[in-house]
C-alpha cells in the first residue's frame, strides 16, 4: 500500500512541475514510448519548417509557397548512453524500423539536432517529483542537457518519499571520485530575465518520465 501511495504522490508532484508521466510494464514498452516521442518531435519540426520555409534550400522555399510539404532531410536522433548491450540492441532495432538514428557515445560531436536523450534515473523523490540521475560519464550528462526532450526511465521500486529517505543510497552514489549526481525537477527553466519564466533555456524543453 505504501508503494502505491509513493508512486501516486510522485506522479502528482512531477506533473505539477510540467514533467509528463508515462507508464510501462516492460522495457520494450518504454522504448516504444521513446521512439514515438522522437517521431512526434520530428514531425513538429517539419511542420514548423513548412510554415517558415527551409532556409537551407531555395527550391524547398519555392515549393513550400506553392503548398507542397517540406520533408526534412535529417533523420531524427535518439541519444542513449550507458545502455546495457541487450537493451541497446533492442532500442536500435526499434529505431531502425522507424528510420531513427541512434547514438551512444561521443555526444560532443552531436551538440545540436538530438531529439531525445534517453537515460535511466537512479531514484525518484515523491515529495518534489524529482528524478536523481547519476551521470558520471560526460555522454550521459550531455544527453540530459542538449537534447530537445529528456526521457527518463524510472523503476517504481526506486521511488523514495523524501530526499532524506535516500540519504544512505545517495552517499553510495557520490562517494566515487569525480561523481556527478543530478537532481532534475521538471524541464529546464529560468526567470533570470525580467522574472519572465522561460522553458528550455539551459536544457531540454520537455521532461518525460516513464515509470517502469
Protein backbone atom coordinates (compact mmCIF):
# COMPACT_ATOMS: atom_id res chain seq x y z
CA UNK A 1 0.00 0.00 0.00
CA UNK A 2 2.83 2.34 0.85
CA UNK A 3 4.44 1.84 -2.59
CA UNK A 4 1.19 2.77 -4.34
CA UNK A 5 0.93 5.95 -2.26
CA UNK A 6 4.51 6.91 -3.07
CA UNK A 7 4.03 6.35 -6.79
CA UNK A 8 0.80 8.34 -6.81
CA UNK A 9 2.44 11.25 -4.97
CA UNK A 10 5.43 11.17 -7.31
CA UNK A 11 3.16 11.32 -10.37
CA UNK A 12 1.18 14.23 -8.95
CA UNK A 13 4.21 16.27 -7.89
CA UNK A 14 6.10 15.62 -11.14
CA UNK A 15 3.08 16.73 -13.16
CA UNK A 16 2.90 19.97 -11.16
CA UNK A 17 6.39 20.90 -12.39
CA UNK A 18 5.48 20.17 -16.04
CA UNK A 19 7.01 16.71 -16.29
CA UNK A 20 4.99 14.29 -18.42
CA UNK A 21 4.38 10.87 -16.86
CA UNK A 22 4.07 7.64 -18.83
CA UNK A 23 3.71 4.09 -17.52
CA UNK A 24 5.13 0.91 -18.99
CA UNK A 25 5.04 -2.73 -17.95
CA UNK A 26 8.18 -3.81 -19.81
CA UNK A 27 11.34 -2.19 -21.11
CA UNK A 28 10.11 -2.85 -24.67
CA UNK A 29 7.08 -0.67 -23.93
CA UNK A 30 9.30 2.08 -22.53
CA UNK A 31 11.41 2.09 -25.69
CA UNK A 32 8.26 2.22 -27.83
CA UNK A 33 7.23 5.37 -25.95
CA UNK A 34 10.66 6.96 -26.52
CA UNK A 35 10.58 6.16 -30.25
CA UNK A 36 7.06 7.57 -30.53
CA UNK A 37 8.10 10.78 -28.78
CA UNK A 38 11.07 11.09 -31.12
CA UNK A 39 8.90 10.80 -34.22
CA UNK A 40 6.38 13.28 -32.80
CA UNK A 41 9.18 15.77 -32.12
CA UNK A 42 10.50 15.39 -35.66
CA UNK A 43 7.02 15.84 -37.14
CA UNK A 44 6.59 19.03 -35.11
CA UNK A 45 9.85 20.39 -36.53
CA UNK A 46 8.77 19.54 -40.07
CA UNK A 47 5.51 21.42 -39.52
CA UNK A 48 7.46 24.49 -38.40
CA UNK A 49 9.70 24.25 -41.47
CA UNK A 50 6.65 24.00 -43.70
CA UNK A 51 5.26 27.22 -42.20
CA UNK A 52 8.52 29.18 -42.30
CA UNK A 53 10.20 27.65 -45.32
CA UNK A 54 13.50 25.80 -45.32
CA UNK A 55 16.32 28.40 -45.24
CA UNK A 56 18.87 25.86 -46.48
CA UNK A 57 17.24 25.23 -49.83
CA UNK A 58 15.68 27.89 -52.08
CA UNK A 59 13.83 25.34 -54.17
CA UNK A 60 12.26 23.98 -50.99
CA UNK A 61 11.14 27.51 -50.17
CA UNK A 62 9.55 27.86 -53.59
CA UNK A 63 7.77 24.54 -53.25
CA UNK A 64 6.58 25.46 -49.78
CA UNK A 65 4.96 28.66 -51.05
CA UNK A 66 3.04 26.55 -53.54
CA UNK A 67 1.67 24.48 -50.70
CA UNK A 68 3.84 21.39 -51.06
CA UNK A 69 5.12 19.99 -47.75
CA UNK A 70 8.82 20.03 -46.99
CA UNK A 71 10.36 16.72 -46.00
CA UNK A 72 13.24 17.20 -43.58
CA UNK A 73 16.45 15.67 -44.89
CA UNK A 74 17.86 14.93 -41.45
CA UNK A 75 16.98 11.76 -39.59
CA UNK A 76 15.56 12.08 -36.11
CA UNK A 77 18.08 11.13 -33.41
CA UNK A 78 17.96 9.44 -30.04
CA UNK A 79 20.98 9.56 -27.73
CA UNK A 80 21.06 6.65 -25.28
CA UNK A 81 24.41 6.39 -23.48
CA UNK A 82 25.33 3.67 -21.00
CA UNK A 83 22.67 1.18 -22.01
CA UNK A 84 23.42 -2.49 -21.50
CA UNK A 85 24.23 -4.27 -24.77
CA UNK A 86 20.96 -6.19 -24.88
CA UNK A 87 18.93 -3.04 -24.23
CA UNK A 88 20.87 -1.05 -26.81
CA UNK A 89 20.33 -3.76 -29.43
CA UNK A 90 16.60 -3.78 -28.68
CA UNK A 91 16.33 0.00 -28.95
CA UNK A 92 18.49 0.04 -32.07
CA UNK A 93 16.12 -2.41 -33.77
CA UNK A 94 13.10 -0.25 -32.90
CA UNK A 95 14.87 2.89 -34.13
CA UNK A 96 15.93 1.22 -37.37
CA UNK A 97 12.34 0.17 -38.08
CA UNK A 98 11.21 3.81 -37.69
CA UNK A 99 14.11 5.40 -39.57
CA UNK A 100 15.60 6.96 -36.43
CA UNK A 101 19.32 7.42 -35.84
CA UNK A 102 20.59 6.03 -32.51
CA UNK A 103 23.85 7.18 -30.94
CA UNK A 104 25.51 6.06 -27.72
CA UNK A 105 28.93 7.69 -27.49
CA UNK A 106 30.80 10.89 -28.37
CA UNK A 107 27.83 13.20 -27.91
CA UNK A 108 30.21 16.16 -28.14
CA UNK A 109 30.05 15.60 -31.90
CA UNK A 110 26.25 15.92 -31.84
CA UNK A 111 25.65 19.08 -29.82
CA UNK A 112 22.64 20.00 -31.93
CA UNK A 113 19.88 18.02 -33.52
CA UNK A 114 19.25 15.39 -30.82
CA UNK A 115 15.52 14.97 -30.38
CA UNK A 116 15.58 12.54 -27.46
CA UNK A 117 18.10 11.99 -24.67
CA UNK A 118 17.22 8.65 -23.06
CA UNK A 119 18.54 7.80 -19.60
CA UNK A 120 17.70 5.61 -16.64
CA UNK A 121 17.08 7.52 -13.42
CA UNK A 122 18.61 6.05 -10.27
CA UNK A 123 15.92 7.33 -7.93
CA UNK A 124 12.75 9.37 -7.77
CA UNK A 125 11.65 11.65 -4.90
CA UNK A 126 7.89 11.66 -4.41
CA UNK A 127 7.81 14.80 -2.25
CA UNK A 128 9.01 17.02 -5.11
CA UNK A 129 8.54 14.90 -8.26
CA UNK A 130 12.33 14.88 -8.71
CA UNK A 131 14.45 12.32 -10.52
CA UNK A 132 18.01 11.60 -9.43
CA UNK A 133 20.45 10.71 -12.20
CA UNK A 134 24.00 9.56 -11.51
CA UNK A 135 25.79 10.83 -14.61
CA UNK A 136 29.49 10.27 -14.06
CA UNK A 137 30.08 9.91 -17.81
CA UNK A 138 30.11 13.04 -19.95
CA UNK A 139 27.91 11.41 -22.57
CA UNK A 140 25.16 10.74 -20.04
CA UNK A 141 25.35 14.31 -18.72
CA UNK A 142 25.14 15.70 -22.25
CA UNK A 143 22.14 13.51 -23.09
CA UNK A 144 20.20 15.18 -20.26
CA UNK A 145 21.28 18.68 -21.30
CA UNK A 146 21.50 19.11 -25.07
CA UNK A 147 18.50 17.09 -26.29
CA UNK A 148 15.16 18.68 -27.12
CA UNK A 149 13.41 16.16 -24.87
CA UNK A 150 14.82 14.25 -21.91
CA UNK A 151 13.18 10.85 -21.46
CA UNK A 152 14.00 9.23 -18.12
CA UNK A 153 13.09 5.63 -17.28
CA UNK A 154 12.42 5.18 -13.57
CA UNK A 155 11.69 1.91 -11.79
CA UNK A 156 8.79 2.28 -9.38
CA UNK A 157 10.77 0.44 -6.71
CA UNK A 158 13.37 3.23 -6.77
CA UNK A 159 10.95 5.97 -5.73
CA UNK A 160 11.55 7.34 -2.23
CA UNK A 161 9.21 9.53 -0.19
CA UNK A 162 11.74 12.32 0.55
CA UNK A 163 15.36 13.12 -0.21
CA UNK A 164 16.24 12.25 3.39
CA UNK A 165 14.92 8.73 2.85
CA UNK A 166 17.62 8.13 0.25
CA UNK A 167 20.50 9.69 2.21
CA UNK A 168 22.41 6.43 2.61
CA UNK A 169 21.88 5.45 -1.02
CA UNK A 170 22.94 8.90 -2.18
CA UNK A 171 26.10 8.61 -0.09
CA UNK A 172 26.99 5.44 -2.00
CA UNK A 173 26.36 7.17 -5.34
CA UNK A 174 28.53 10.16 -4.52
CA UNK A 175 31.47 8.53 -2.78
CA UNK A 176 33.26 7.71 -6.03
CA UNK A 177 35.89 10.19 -7.28
CA UNK A 178 34.58 12.65 -9.89
CA UNK A 179 30.99 11.71 -9.15
CA UNK A 180 28.20 13.73 -10.80
CA UNK A 181 24.70 13.30 -9.45
CA UNK A 182 21.90 15.49 -10.80
CA UNK A 183 18.56 16.25 -9.16
CA UNK A 184 16.16 17.08 -12.00
CA UNK A 185 12.74 18.55 -11.26
CA UNK A 186 10.75 19.20 -14.43
CA UNK A 187 12.15 20.60 -17.70
CA UNK A 188 14.85 23.26 -17.73
CA UNK A 189 13.53 26.69 -16.76
CA UNK A 190 14.71 30.12 -15.71
CA UNK A 191 13.23 33.50 -14.79
CA UNK A 192 16.51 35.44 -14.82
CA UNK A 193 15.38 37.93 -17.47
CA UNK A 194 12.81 40.37 -16.06
CA UNK A 195 11.34 37.50 -14.00
CA UNK A 196 9.67 36.05 -17.07
CA UNK A 197 9.57 32.25 -16.92
CA UNK A 198 11.25 30.62 -19.93
CA UNK A 199 11.36 26.87 -20.55
CA UNK A 200 14.30 25.07 -22.16
CA UNK A 201 16.86 27.86 -21.94
CA UNK A 202 19.51 25.81 -20.14
CA UNK A 203 18.41 22.34 -21.21
CA UNK A 204 15.60 20.23 -22.69
CA UNK A 205 12.22 21.74 -23.47
CA UNK A 206 10.40 18.71 -22.08
CA UNK A 207 10.94 16.06 -19.43
CA UNK A 208 9.13 12.75 -19.88
CA UNK A 209 9.33 10.17 -17.10
CA UNK A 210 8.48 6.55 -17.89
CA UNK A 211 7.53 4.60 -14.76
CA UNK A 212 8.56 1.00 -15.28
